[in-house]
PDB file of all heavy atoms in Angstrom:
ATOM      1  N   THR A   1       0.775  -1.210   0.031  1.00  0.00           N
ATOM      2  CA  THR A   1       0.013   0.026  -0.004  1.00  0.00           C
ATOM      3  C   THR A   1       0.897   1.307  -0.010  1.00  0.00           C
ATOM      4  O   THR A   1       0.643   2.216  -0.770  1.00  0.00           O
ATOM      5  CB  THR A   1      -0.953  -0.034   1.229  1.00  0.00           C
ATOM      6  OG1 THR A   1      -1.721  -1.149   1.212  1.00  0.00           O
ATOM      7  CG2 THR A   1      -1.864   1.217   1.221  1.00  0.00           C
ATOM      8  N   VAL A   2       1.902   1.253   0.822  1.00  0.00           N
ATOM      9  CA  VAL A   2       2.861   2.415   0.941  1.00  0.00           C
ATOM     10  C   VAL A   2       3.496   2.635  -0.423  1.00  0.00           C
ATOM     11  O   VAL A   2       3.629   3.789  -0.919  1.00  0.00           O
ATOM     12  CB  VAL A   2       3.791   2.256   2.044  1.00  0.00           C
ATOM     13  CG1 VAL A   2       4.860   3.385   2.025  1.00  0.00           C
ATOM     14  CG2 VAL A   2       3.153   2.236   3.364  1.00  0.00           C
ATOM     15  N   ILE A   3       3.975   1.561  -1.027  1.00  0.00           N
ATOM     16  CA  ILE A   3       4.686   1.650  -2.299  1.00  0.00           C
ATOM     17  C   ILE A   3       3.779   2.119  -3.451  1.00  0.00           C
ATOM     18  O   ILE A   3       4.109   2.976  -4.323  1.00  0.00           O
ATOM     19  CB  ILE A   3       5.388   0.343  -2.640  1.00  0.00           C
ATOM     20  CG1 ILE A   3       6.470   0.008  -1.625  1.00  0.00           C
ATOM     21  CG2 ILE A   3       5.947   0.407  -4.082  1.00  0.00           C
ATOM     22  CD1 ILE A   3       7.088  -1.320  -1.781  1.00  0.00           C
ATOM     23  N   SER A   4       2.489   1.701  -3.359  1.00  0.00           N
ATOM     24  CA  SER A   4       1.578   2.054  -4.383  1.00  0.00           C
ATOM     25  C   SER A   4       1.224   3.525  -4.288  1.00  0.00           C
ATOM     26  O   SER A   4       1.067   4.193  -5.288  1.00  0.00           O
ATOM     27  CB  SER A   4       0.240   1.212  -4.241  1.00  0.00           C
ATOM     28  OG  SER A   4       0.497  -0.091  -4.479  1.00  0.00           O
ATOM     29  N   TYR A   5       1.159   4.026  -3.024  1.00  0.00           N
ATOM     30  CA  TYR A   5       0.945   5.445  -2.735  1.00  0.00           C
ATOM     31  C   TYR A   5       2.023   6.282  -3.381  1.00  0.00           C
ATOM     32  O   TYR A   5       1.807   7.294  -3.994  1.00  0.00           O
ATOM     33  CB  TYR A   5       0.787   5.690  -1.302  1.00  0.00           C
ATOM     34  CG  TYR A   5       0.776   7.146  -0.871  1.00  0.00           C
ATOM     35  CD1 TYR A   5      -0.357   7.945  -1.022  1.00  0.00           C
ATOM     36  CD2 TYR A   5       1.970   7.671  -0.308  1.00  0.00           C
ATOM     37  CE1 TYR A   5      -0.308   9.247  -0.651  1.00  0.00           C
ATOM     38  CE2 TYR A   5       1.943   9.005   0.066  1.00  0.00           C
ATOM     39  CZ  TYR A   5       0.853   9.780  -0.123  1.00  0.00           C
ATOM     40  OH  TYR A   5       0.850  11.128   0.355  1.00  0.00           O
ATOM     41  N   ALA A   6       3.294   5.816  -3.071  1.00  0.00           N
ATOM     42  CA  ALA A   6       4.493   6.579  -3.585  1.00  0.00           C
ATOM     43  C   ALA A   6       4.394   6.555  -5.108  1.00  0.00           C
ATOM     44  O   ALA A   6       4.783   7.611  -5.770  1.00  0.00           O
ATOM     45  CB  ALA A   6       5.770   5.958  -3.044  1.00  0.00           C
ATOM     46  N   PHE A   7       4.153   5.459  -5.696  1.00  0.00           N
ATOM     47  CA  PHE A   7       4.235   5.326  -7.207  1.00  0.00           C
ATOM     48  C   PHE A   7       3.083   6.230  -7.767  1.00  0.00           C
ATOM     49  O   PHE A   7       3.368   6.870  -8.829  1.00  0.00           O
ATOM     50  CB  PHE A   7       4.022   3.892  -7.589  1.00  0.00           C
ATOM     51  CG  PHE A   7       4.145   3.627  -9.041  1.00  0.00           C
ATOM     52  CD1 PHE A   7       5.328   3.842  -9.707  1.00  0.00           C
ATOM     53  CD2 PHE A   7       3.053   3.150  -9.812  1.00  0.00           C
ATOM     54  CE1 PHE A   7       5.461   3.576 -11.038  1.00  0.00           C
ATOM     55  CE2 PHE A   7       3.220   2.852 -11.182  1.00  0.00           C
ATOM     56  CZ  PHE A   7       4.444   3.115 -11.763  1.00  0.00           C
ATOM     57  N   ALA A   8       1.963   6.222  -7.170  1.00  0.00           N
ATOM     58  CA  ALA A   8       0.861   7.160  -7.703  1.00  0.00           C
ATOM     59  C   ALA A   8       1.322   8.661  -7.602  1.00  0.00           C
ATOM     60  O   ALA A   8       1.025   9.403  -8.482  1.00  0.00           O
ATOM     61  CB  ALA A   8      -0.364   6.816  -6.879  1.00  0.00           C
ATOM     62  N   LYS A   9       1.940   8.980  -6.506  1.00  0.00           N
ATOM     63  CA  LYS A   9       2.344  10.324  -6.353  1.00  0.00           C
ATOM     64  C   LYS A   9       3.423  10.721  -7.414  1.00  0.00           C
ATOM     65  O   LYS A   9       3.375  11.850  -7.918  1.00  0.00           O
ATOM     66  CB  LYS A   9       2.848  10.618  -4.968  1.00  0.00           C
ATOM     67  CG  LYS A   9       1.890  10.708  -3.900  1.00  0.00           C
ATOM     68  CD  LYS A   9       1.073  11.938  -4.033  1.00  0.00           C
ATOM     69  CE  LYS A   9       0.087  12.196  -2.887  1.00  0.00           C
ATOM     70  NZ  LYS A   9      -0.712  13.522  -3.029  1.00  0.00           N
ATOM     71  N   LEU A  10       4.326   9.869  -7.584  1.00  0.00           N
ATOM     72  CA  LEU A  10       5.343  10.104  -8.642  1.00  0.00           C
ATOM     73  C   LEU A  10       4.781  10.199 -10.015  1.00  0.00           C
ATOM     74  O   LEU A  10       5.148  11.098 -10.841  1.00  0.00           O
ATOM     75  CB  LEU A  10       6.321   8.956  -8.646  1.00  0.00           C
ATOM     76  CG  LEU A  10       7.545   9.021  -9.546  1.00  0.00           C
ATOM     77  CD1 LEU A  10       8.379  10.287  -9.270  1.00  0.00           C
ATOM     78  CD2 LEU A  10       8.399   7.704  -9.527  1.00  0.00           C
ATOM     79  N   LEU A  11       3.741   9.339 -10.369  1.00  0.00           N
ATOM     80  CA  LEU A  11       3.116   9.511 -11.676  1.00  0.00           C
ATOM     81  C   LEU A  11       2.350  10.810 -11.742  1.00  0.00           C
ATOM     82  O   LEU A  11       2.342  11.382 -12.837  1.00  0.00           O
ATOM     83  CB  LEU A  11       2.164   8.275 -11.928  1.00  0.00           C
ATOM     84  CG  LEU A  11       2.837   6.917 -12.169  1.00  0.00           C
ATOM     85  CD1 LEU A  11       1.762   5.842 -12.330  1.00  0.00           C
ATOM     86  CD2 LEU A  11       3.766   6.934 -13.307  1.00  0.00           C
ATOM     87  N   ASP A  12       1.669  11.179 -10.708  1.00  0.00           N
ATOM     88  CA  ASP A  12       0.887  12.378 -10.764  1.00  0.00           C
ATOM     89  C   ASP A  12       1.849  13.648 -11.025  1.00  0.00           C
ATOM     90  O   ASP A  12       1.500  14.552 -11.784  1.00  0.00           O
ATOM     91  CB  ASP A  12       0.202  12.682  -9.385  1.00  0.00           C
ATOM     92  CG  ASP A  12      -0.985  11.798  -9.227  1.00  0.00           C
ATOM     93  OD1 ASP A  12      -1.563  11.386 -10.292  1.00  0.00           O
ATOM     94  OD2 ASP A  12      -1.537  11.705  -8.138  1.00  0.00           O
ATOM     95  N   TRP A  13       3.096  13.512 -10.436  1.00  0.00           N
ATOM     96  CA  TRP A  13       4.005  14.656 -10.655  1.00  0.00           C
ATOM     97  C   TRP A  13       4.581  14.569 -12.065  1.00  0.00           C
ATOM     98  O   TRP A  13       4.586  15.618 -12.785  1.00  0.00           O
ATOM     99  CB  TRP A  13       5.151  14.531  -9.584  1.00  0.00           C
ATOM    100  CG  TRP A  13       6.214  15.566  -9.948  1.00  0.00           C
ATOM    101  CD1 TRP A  13       6.281  16.908  -9.826  1.00  0.00           C
ATOM    102  CD2 TRP A  13       7.523  15.194 -10.561  1.00  0.00           C
ATOM    103  NE1 TRP A  13       7.448  17.375 -10.225  1.00  0.00           N
ATOM    104  CE2 TRP A  13       8.266  16.415 -10.718  1.00  0.00           C
ATOM    105  CE3 TRP A  13       8.106  13.945 -11.083  1.00  0.00           C
ATOM    106  CZ2 TRP A  13       9.492  16.420 -11.305  1.00  0.00           C
ATOM    107  CZ3 TRP A  13       9.291  13.946 -11.608  1.00  0.00           C
ATOM    108  CH2 TRP A  13      10.037  15.196 -11.709  1.00  0.00           C
ATOM    109  N   TYR A  14       4.985  13.508 -12.433  1.00  0.00           N
ATOM    110  CA  TYR A  14       5.677  13.311 -13.772  1.00  0.00           C
ATOM    111  C   TYR A  14       4.791  13.585 -14.961  1.00  0.00           C
ATOM    112  O   TYR A  14       5.280  14.260 -15.937  1.00  0.00           O
ATOM    113  CB  TYR A  14       6.304  11.925 -13.879  1.00  0.00           C
ATOM    114  CG  TYR A  14       7.226  11.803 -15.115  1.00  0.00           C
ATOM    115  CD1 TYR A  14       8.544  12.256 -14.979  1.00  0.00           C
ATOM    116  CD2 TYR A  14       6.712  11.241 -16.282  1.00  0.00           C
ATOM    117  CE1 TYR A  14       9.306  12.077 -16.140  1.00  0.00           C
ATOM    118  CE2 TYR A  14       7.586  11.092 -17.373  1.00  0.00           C
ATOM    119  CZ  TYR A  14       8.937  11.523 -17.279  1.00  0.00           C
ATOM    120  OH  TYR A  14       9.737  11.396 -18.416  1.00  0.00           O
ATOM    121  N   PHE A  15       3.559  13.244 -14.933  1.00  0.00           N
ATOM    122  CA  PHE A  15       2.638  13.432 -16.061  1.00  0.00           C
ATOM    123  C   PHE A  15       1.740  14.719 -15.927  1.00  0.00           C
ATOM    124  O   PHE A  15       1.004  14.926 -16.863  1.00  0.00           O
ATOM    125  CB  PHE A  15       1.787  12.218 -16.242  1.00  0.00           C
ATOM    126  CG  PHE A  15       2.603  10.984 -16.726  1.00  0.00           C
ATOM    127  CD1 PHE A  15       2.871   9.915 -15.889  1.00  0.00           C
ATOM    128  CD2 PHE A  15       3.034  10.936 -18.009  1.00  0.00           C
ATOM    129  CE1 PHE A  15       3.554   8.871 -16.358  1.00  0.00           C
ATOM    130  CE2 PHE A  15       3.754   9.857 -18.534  1.00  0.00           C
ATOM    131  CZ  PHE A  15       3.978   8.790 -17.659  1.00  0.00           C
ATOM    132  N   ASP A  16       2.023  15.466 -14.917  1.00  0.00           N
ATOM    133  CA  ASP A  16       1.351  16.719 -14.761  1.00  0.00           C
ATOM    134  C   ASP A  16       2.276  17.850 -15.360  1.00  0.00           C
ATOM    135  O   ASP A  16       3.211  18.239 -14.718  1.00  0.00           O
ATOM    136  CB  ASP A  16       1.097  16.971 -13.279  1.00  0.00           C
ATOM    137  CG  ASP A  16       0.131  18.209 -13.117  1.00  0.00           C
ATOM    138  OD1 ASP A  16      -0.192  18.917 -14.098  1.00  0.00           O
ATOM    139  OD2 ASP A  16      -0.299  18.494 -12.008  1.00  0.00           O
ATOM    140  N   ILE A  17       1.993  18.194 -16.656  1.00  0.00           N
ATOM    141  CA  ILE A  17       2.987  19.089 -17.338  1.00  0.00           C
ATOM    142  C   ILE A  17       2.332  20.274 -17.881  1.00  0.00           C
ATOM    143  O   ILE A  17       1.141  20.346 -18.069  1.00  0.00           O
ATOM    144  CB  ILE A  17       3.663  18.250 -18.467  1.00  0.00           C
ATOM    145  CG1 ILE A  17       2.610  17.771 -19.517  1.00  0.00           C
ATOM    146  CG2 ILE A  17       4.475  17.055 -17.946  1.00  0.00           C
ATOM    147  CD1 ILE A  17       3.254  17.108 -20.779  1.00  0.00           C
ATOM    148  N   TYR A  18       3.193  21.228 -18.190  1.00  0.00           N
ATOM    149  CA  TYR A  18       2.774  22.488 -18.906  1.00  0.00           C
ATOM    150  C   TYR A  18       3.551  22.520 -20.221  1.00  0.00           C
ATOM    151  O   TYR A  18       4.775  22.204 -20.233  1.00  0.00           O
ATOM    152  CB  TYR A  18       3.016  23.740 -18.113  1.00  0.00           C
ATOM    153  CG  TYR A  18       2.405  23.759 -16.762  1.00  0.00           C
ATOM    154  CD1 TYR A  18       3.062  23.387 -15.643  1.00  0.00           C
ATOM    155  CD2 TYR A  18       1.116  24.184 -16.553  1.00  0.00           C
ATOM    156  CE1 TYR A  18       2.472  23.357 -14.325  1.00  0.00           C
ATOM    157  CE2 TYR A  18       0.484  24.333 -15.327  1.00  0.00           C
ATOM    158  CZ  TYR A  18       1.228  23.918 -14.197  1.00  0.00           C
ATOM    159  OH  TYR A  18       0.655  23.955 -13.006  1.00  0.00           O
ATOM    160  N   LEU A  19       2.951  22.881 -21.315  1.00  0.00           N
ATOM    161  CA  LEU A  19       3.596  22.977 -22.557  1.00  0.00           C
ATOM    162  C   LEU A  19       3.440  24.394 -23.108  1.00  0.00           C
ATOM    163  O   LEU A  19       2.273  25.030 -23.008  1.00  0.00           O
ATOM    164  CB  LEU A  19       2.947  21.985 -23.589  1.00  0.00           C
ATOM    165  CG  LEU A  19       3.072  20.467 -23.318  1.00  0.00           C
ATOM    166  CD1 LEU A  19       2.351  19.784 -24.363  1.00  0.00           C
ATOM    167  CD2 LEU A  19       4.561  20.099 -23.173  1.00  0.00           C
ATOM    168  N   ILE A  20       4.470  24.949 -23.648  1.00  0.00           N
ATOM    169  CA  ILE A  20       4.440  26.237 -24.306  1.00  0.00           C
ATOM    170  C   ILE A  20       4.679  25.958 -25.843  1.00  0.00           C
ATOM    171  O   ILE A  20       5.780  25.367 -26.169  1.00  0.00           O
ATOM    172  CB  ILE A  20       5.400  27.335 -23.895  1.00  0.00           C
ATOM    173  CG1 ILE A  20       5.377  27.382 -22.337  1.00  0.00           C
ATOM    174  CG2 ILE A  20       5.210  28.621 -24.538  1.00  0.00           C
ATOM    175  CD1 ILE A  20       4.069  27.814 -21.738  1.00  0.00           C
ATOM    176  N   THR A  21       3.688  26.226 -26.695  1.00  0.00           N
ATOM    177  CA  THR A  21       3.930  25.982 -28.146  1.00  0.00           C
ATOM    178  C   THR A  21       4.007  27.243 -28.857  1.00  0.00           C
ATOM    179  O   THR A  21       3.984  28.370 -28.364  1.00  0.00           O
ATOM    180  CB  THR A  21       2.788  25.044 -28.647  1.00  0.00           C
ATOM    181  OG1 THR A  21       1.670  25.945 -28.899  1.00  0.00           O
ATOM    182  CG2 THR A  21       2.466  23.953 -27.677  1.00  0.00           C
ATOM    183  N   SER A  22       4.047  27.143 -30.221  1.00  0.00           N
ATOM    184  CA  SER A  22       4.113  28.354 -31.068  1.00  0.00           C
ATOM    185  C   SER A  22       2.722  28.996 -31.166  1.00  0.00           C
ATOM    186  O   SER A  22       2.593  30.087 -31.799  1.00  0.00           O
ATOM    187  CB  SER A  22       4.450  27.919 -32.451  1.00  0.00           C
ATOM    188  OG  SER A  22       3.721  26.895 -33.003  1.00  0.00           O
ATOM    189  N   GLN A  23       1.706  28.438 -30.569  1.00  0.00           N
ATOM    190  CA  GLN A  23       0.337  29.028 -30.587  1.00  0.00           C
ATOM    191  C   GLN A  23      -0.254  29.245 -29.194  1.00  0.00           C
ATOM    192  O   GLN A  23      -0.992  30.234 -28.978  1.00  0.00           O
ATOM    193  CB  GLN A  23      -0.631  28.204 -31.367  1.00  0.00           C
ATOM    194  CG  GLN A  23      -0.127  28.006 -32.851  1.00  0.00           C
ATOM    195  CD  GLN A  23      -1.086  27.116 -33.584  1.00  0.00           C
ATOM    196  OE1 GLN A  23      -2.178  26.845 -33.120  1.00  0.00           O
ATOM    197  NE2 GLN A  23      -0.647  26.537 -34.728  1.00  0.00           N
ATOM    198  N   ARG A  24       0.074  28.432 -28.207  1.00  0.00           N
ATOM    199  CA  ARG A  24      -0.704  28.418 -26.965  1.00  0.00           C
ATOM    200  C   ARG A  24       0.146  27.900 -25.797  1.00  0.00           C
ATOM    201  O   ARG A  24       1.249  27.404 -26.007  1.00  0.00           O
ATOM    202  CB  ARG A  24      -1.945  27.570 -27.094  1.00  0.00           C
ATOM    203  CG  ARG A  24      -1.651  26.246 -27.727  1.00  0.00           C
ATOM    204  CD  ARG A  24      -2.929  25.424 -28.117  1.00  0.00           C
ATOM    205  NE  ARG A  24      -2.558  24.402 -29.151  1.00  0.00           N
ATOM    206  CZ  ARG A  24      -3.492  23.474 -29.508  1.00  0.00           C
ATOM    207  NH1 ARG A  24      -4.639  23.374 -28.934  1.00  0.00           N
ATOM    208  NH2 ARG A  24      -3.112  22.550 -30.425  1.00  0.00           N
ATOM    209  N   PHE A  25      -0.452  27.979 -24.638  1.00  0.00           N
ATOM    210  CA  PHE A  25       0.123  27.221 -23.551  1.00  0.00           C
ATOM    211  C   PHE A  25      -0.949  26.313 -22.935  1.00  0.00           C
ATOM    212  O   PHE A  25      -2.145  26.598 -22.964  1.00  0.00           O
ATOM    213  CB  PHE A  25       0.641  28.259 -22.397  1.00  0.00           C
ATOM    214  CG  PHE A  25      -0.313  29.326 -22.068  1.00  0.00           C
ATOM    215  CD1 PHE A  25      -1.145  29.232 -21.010  1.00  0.00           C
ATOM    216  CD2 PHE A  25      -0.278  30.518 -22.712  1.00  0.00           C
ATOM    217  CE1 PHE A  25      -2.071  30.287 -20.664  1.00  0.00           C
ATOM    218  CE2 PHE A  25      -1.049  31.546 -22.391  1.00  0.00           C
ATOM    219  CZ  PHE A  25      -1.972  31.460 -21.379  1.00  0.00           C
ATOM    220  N   ILE A  26      -0.533  25.113 -22.504  1.00  0.00           N
ATOM    221  CA  ILE A  26      -1.355  23.971 -22.197  1.00  0.00           C
ATOM    222  C   ILE A  26      -1.001  23.410 -20.861  1.00  0.00           C
ATOM    223  O   ILE A  26       0.230  23.235 -20.548  1.00  0.00           O
ATOM    224  CB  ILE A  26      -1.257  22.869 -23.235  1.00  0.00           C
ATOM    225  CG1 ILE A  26      -1.578  23.475 -24.641  1.00  0.00           C
ATOM    226  CG2 ILE A  26      -2.197  21.770 -23.006  1.00  0.00           C
ATOM    227  CD1 ILE A  26      -1.169  22.591 -25.829  1.00  0.00           C
TER     228      ILE A  26
END
């Protein structure tokens, strides 16, 4: 359970991203 919690938090951080493109920010 503890390891699953840590893995979920890591995924949340890694895949929570901002992009700046030639047209917009996302």
